[in-house]
Amino acid sequence: MRPPTKEEFDQLREKTLAARESAYCPYSKFRVGACLLTTSGSFITGANVENASYPAGICAERTALVKAITEGHKDFVCIAVATDINPAASPCGICRQTMREFCDVGMPVYMFTPDGKSEVMKLDELLPRSFGPDDLPK
């Protein structure tokens, strides 16, 4: 896995922070934006979208992943998430498992604070001893 270049990282931060603006969160008031960087150089953004039937909502990270997969992207450099809180929030368990389905376990996950500072962890650090497609019987 290659890390993002300085230019890619700067764009990733900008797009992730901006994606929060698209959040539809009238119930939790917890805005989340996400952005995936593909190996082809595309940036795919997503935001959380809530629903009055709470379980029907979708997180920003899964929104970005679903968009990427349905647009034909299969290889990713990294993903980032941004919220309005300090310290930076990490992806929830469902998002981590969804990332595990489509992303390399060594992929960096950047977590941005509202002012653009970041922490980074690899997916396998966020989801140790994970269960993925290779664990299913052939």
Protein backbone atom coordinates (compact mmCIF):
# COMPACT_ATOMS: atom_id res chain seq x y z
CA MET A 1 0.00 0.00 0.00
CA ARG A 2 1.30 3.40 -0.88
CA PRO A 3 0.51 6.40 1.29
CA PRO A 4 -1.21 9.39 -0.29
CA THR A 5 1.08 12.07 -1.69
CA LYS A 6 1.16 15.45 0.06
CA GLU A 7 -1.11 16.88 -2.64
CA GLU A 8 -3.52 13.95 -2.38
CA PHE A 9 -3.56 14.22 1.41
CA ASP A 10 -4.38 17.94 1.23
CA GLN A 11 -7.23 17.25 -1.20
CA LEU A 12 -8.42 14.33 0.95
CA ARG A 13 -8.60 16.59 4.02
CA GLU A 14 -10.42 19.34 2.12
CA LYS A 15 -12.96 16.98 0.55
CA THR A 16 -13.56 15.04 3.78
CA LEU A 17 -14.19 18.18 5.81
CA ALA A 18 -16.44 19.58 3.05
CA ALA A 19 -18.43 16.33 2.82
CA ARG A 20 -19.76 16.99 6.35
CA GLU A 21 -21.80 19.83 4.88
CA SER A 22 -23.91 17.29 2.96
CA ALA A 23 -24.85 15.33 6.08
CA TYR A 24 -28.54 14.82 6.75
CA CYS A 25 -28.65 14.40 10.51
CA PRO A 26 -31.76 16.08 11.97
CA TYR A 27 -31.96 13.56 14.84
CA SER A 28 -28.41 13.17 16.13
CA LYS A 29 -27.07 16.53 14.90
CA PHE A 30 -23.79 14.58 14.43
CA ARG A 31 -22.38 15.51 11.02
CA VAL A 32 -19.95 13.08 9.43
CA GLY A 33 -18.12 13.34 6.12
CA ALA A 34 -15.95 10.73 4.47
CA CYS A 35 -13.73 10.49 1.43
CA LEU A 36 -12.06 7.55 -0.30
CA LEU A 37 -8.98 7.99 -2.48
CA THR A 38 -8.83 5.38 -5.23
CA THR A 39 -5.62 4.07 -6.77
CA SER A 40 -6.69 5.74 -10.03
CA GLY A 41 -6.67 9.13 -8.26
CA SER A 42 -10.41 9.61 -7.85
CA PHE A 43 -11.90 11.04 -4.67
CA ILE A 44 -15.28 9.58 -3.69
CA THR A 45 -17.12 11.41 -0.91
CA GLY A 46 -20.01 10.51 1.33
CA ALA A 47 -21.97 11.89 4.27
CA ASN A 48 -24.20 10.33 6.90
CA VAL A 49 -27.90 10.20 6.05
CA GLU A 50 -30.29 9.57 8.93
CA ASN A 51 -33.87 8.33 8.86
CA ALA A 52 -36.76 8.64 11.29
CA SER A 53 -36.54 4.84 11.49
CA TYR A 54 -33.07 5.04 13.03
CA PRO A 55 -31.62 1.72 11.80
CA ALA A 56 -32.37 2.75 8.20
CA GLY A 57 -29.71 5.48 8.32
CA ILE A 58 -26.29 5.07 6.73
CA CYS A 59 -22.89 6.32 7.83
CA ALA A 60 -20.66 8.55 5.72
CA GLU A 61 -17.97 5.90 5.28
CA ARG A 62 -20.44 3.33 3.97
CA THR A 63 -22.01 5.95 1.69
CA ALA A 64 -18.59 6.64 0.14
CA LEU A 65 -17.80 2.94 -0.18
CA VAL A 66 -21.15 2.09 -1.76
CA LYS A 67 -20.75 4.95 -4.25
CA ALA A 68 -17.21 3.86 -5.09
CA ILE A 69 -18.08 0.20 -5.61
CA THR A 70 -21.16 0.96 -7.70
CA GLU A 71 -19.10 3.37 -9.84
CA GLY A 72 -16.59 0.58 -10.56
CA HIS A 73 -13.81 1.47 -8.13
CA LYS A 74 -12.26 -1.52 -6.40
CA ASP A 75 -8.78 -0.40 -5.31
CA PHE A 76 -8.22 2.21 -2.63
CA VAL A 77 -5.25 4.15 -1.26
CA CYS A 78 -6.98 5.36 1.92
CA ILE A 79 -10.20 6.56 3.49
CA ALA A 80 -10.82 9.56 5.72
CA VAL A 81 -13.60 10.59 8.10
CA ALA A 82 -14.39 13.97 9.67
CA THR A 83 -16.82 15.06 12.35
CA ASP A 84 -17.39 18.17 14.42
CA ILE A 85 -15.74 16.81 17.59
CA ASN A 86 -12.32 16.72 19.22
CA PRO A 87 -10.58 14.35 19.47
CA ALA A 88 -11.21 12.93 16.02
CA ALA A 89 -13.87 10.23 15.83
CA SER A 90 -13.10 6.81 14.41
CA PRO A 91 -15.42 4.81 12.14
CA CYS A 92 -18.09 2.72 13.85
CA GLY A 93 -17.96 -1.07 13.92
CA ILE A 94 -20.30 -1.56 10.97
CA CYS A 95 -18.21 0.82 8.87
CA ARG A 96 -15.02 -0.96 9.88
CA GLN A 97 -16.48 -4.30 8.79
CA THR A 98 -17.69 -2.78 5.51
CA MET A 99 -14.21 -1.39 4.88
CA ARG A 100 -12.83 -4.87 5.58
CA GLU A 101 -15.00 -6.27 2.79
CA PHE A 102 -13.59 -3.92 0.15
CA CYS A 103 -10.25 -2.62 1.42
CA ASP A 104 -6.83 -4.00 2.22
CA VAL A 105 -6.31 -4.47 5.97
CA GLY A 106 -3.18 -2.30 5.74
CA MET A 107 -5.10 0.66 4.30
CA PRO A 108 -4.70 3.92 6.25
CA VAL A 109 -7.81 5.40 7.86
CA TYR A 110 -7.44 9.13 8.51
CA MET A 111 -9.60 10.74 11.18
CA PHE A 112 -9.90 14.53 10.99
CA THR A 113 -10.86 17.02 13.67
CA PRO A 114 -12.96 20.06 12.70
CA ASP A 115 -9.81 22.16 12.31
CA GLY A 116 -8.21 19.63 9.94
CA LYS A 117 -5.75 17.94 12.28
CA SER A 118 -5.61 14.20 11.80
CA GLU A 119 -4.85 10.87 13.38
CA VAL A 120 -4.20 7.80 11.27
CA MET A 121 -4.56 4.10 11.95
CA LYS A 122 -4.50 1.13 9.62
CA LEU A 123 -7.71 -0.80 9.14
CA ASP A 124 -6.28 -3.87 10.88
CA GLU A 125 -5.52 -1.72 13.94
CA LEU A 126 -9.15 -0.55 14.03
CA LEU A 127 -10.48 -4.05 13.39
CA PRO A 128 -7.98 -6.58 14.75
CA ARG A 129 -8.45 -10.27 13.98
CA SER A 130 -11.09 -9.31 11.44
CA PHE A 131 -13.32 -11.64 9.46
CA GLY A 132 -13.32 -11.07 5.74
CA PRO A 133 -14.07 -12.63 2.36
CA ASP A 134 -10.99 -14.87 2.49
CA ASP A 135 -12.26 -16.46 5.70
CA LEU A 136 -15.35 -17.94 4.02
CA PRO A 137 -15.27 -21.56 2.80
CA LYS A 138 -14.39 -21.95 -0.83
